[in-house]
Amino acid sequence: MNEAPRAPGARDGRDRMRSAGEPPCYAALDLGTNNCRLLIATPSPTGFRVVEAYSRIVRLGEGLTQSGRLSEAAMERALAALKVSAEKVRRRRVVRFRAIATQACRIAENGPAFVEQVANETGVRLQIIPPQEEARLSVTGCLNLLDRAMEAALVVDVGGGSTELSWVDLKEAPPEGMPPIRAWLSVPIGVVTLAERFPEGEAATEGWFRAMVETVKTEIAAFRRADPLKPVFEADRAHLVGTSGAITSLAGMHLELPRYDRSRVDGIWMSRDECDAAAGRLLALNARERADQPCIGPDRADLVLAGAAILQAVQELWPCSRVRVADRGLREGILLSLMSERGGRRRRRRRRGGRSPS
């Protein structure tokens, strides 16, 4: 488990101690194929309160599918964002910090060397996590968005280099705790890899979009371990939870927001027809017009349709009338896990008669 990077010039841990009564800060960092995201929060009765959030599109996996390696330019972009993140963690005097890396570092030939370079230059010790843990953390981060009146849910975490799907059994779930994950799948297709595989050309066309959808469907359809839940989905007793920048951008367009507003997007329900309509609106725009959309911007203009294609592929194979949009995921899952672990250790110390650390 990561500890907070040491502040420059600090003599020992006491230099970073909090003042009496100040709540402890926890931090989670997710270095993905497309984004570097940091979240710093303090525990609260309902989960946690965000103290600071930071996100940069770094495109770490740019060109990775062709070369098999992280490029120098991509690593420099990621390092710049990680240095900013490390300084924020130091300044907030974080007590527990976990930083993860996902698909790009998993598959790149020089991924482990890059992780070592990050540790040397920033003090951030990245853990390259397996797809199964990535899926579990995504579900953990979205727990309070699950509709417990339903029998099942499919949590779809669309990343830059891969997409994680987790089929969750809500019939057997405790009232508020972690429900059983009956099946999970990691598809080695994300918005960056799909967009690179299907370059847009002069204009987006329906045929080009359908080719992306069918490619994703082929990958998912070969997976059969979730088939026992098919009748639940076909009877519309299940729902989707979609978490990714592309899906939240789609929701922002649906809401016609003048600028992206997480409080308006996170947790909203969209019908299947509304998802299709938002994708159709996107498809009617050229790349410049998409870049001008306030909930998309130039950094996502060439990726958002790939995200819409992945969502549509899932919806066609696992039909649901409703999708819940999540502007949350891995970082939130990490934070909740860190806080739960620390709270559990303190309770065990009290039962043994030991003192909890301040």
Foldseek 3Di string as FASTA:
>chain_A
DDFQFADPPDPDLVVLDDDPPDFAKEKEWEAEQFKTKMWIWGQDPVATDTPDIDMDGLNQCACCVPPLAGDPSSLVSVLVRLQVRSVVSNVRSHGYYAYEYEDSLVRRPCSVVSQVVSCVPRVHRYHYDYLVVQLVLQCLWCQVLFDLQFQWEWEWEATQQKIKIWIFGSVQDDPRDGTDGQDMDIGRHHLNNLCVVQPCPPAFDPVSLVVLLVVLLVRVVVDCSCVVCQVSLVVQRYEYEYEDLLVLLLQCVLVVDQARDQVVQASDKDFPVSLVVSLVVLRVDGLVVQLPRRSAHNSRSSRNSSVSSNVVSCCVVRPHGMYTYHHIGNGSSVSSVVVVVLVVVCVVCVVVVHDRDD
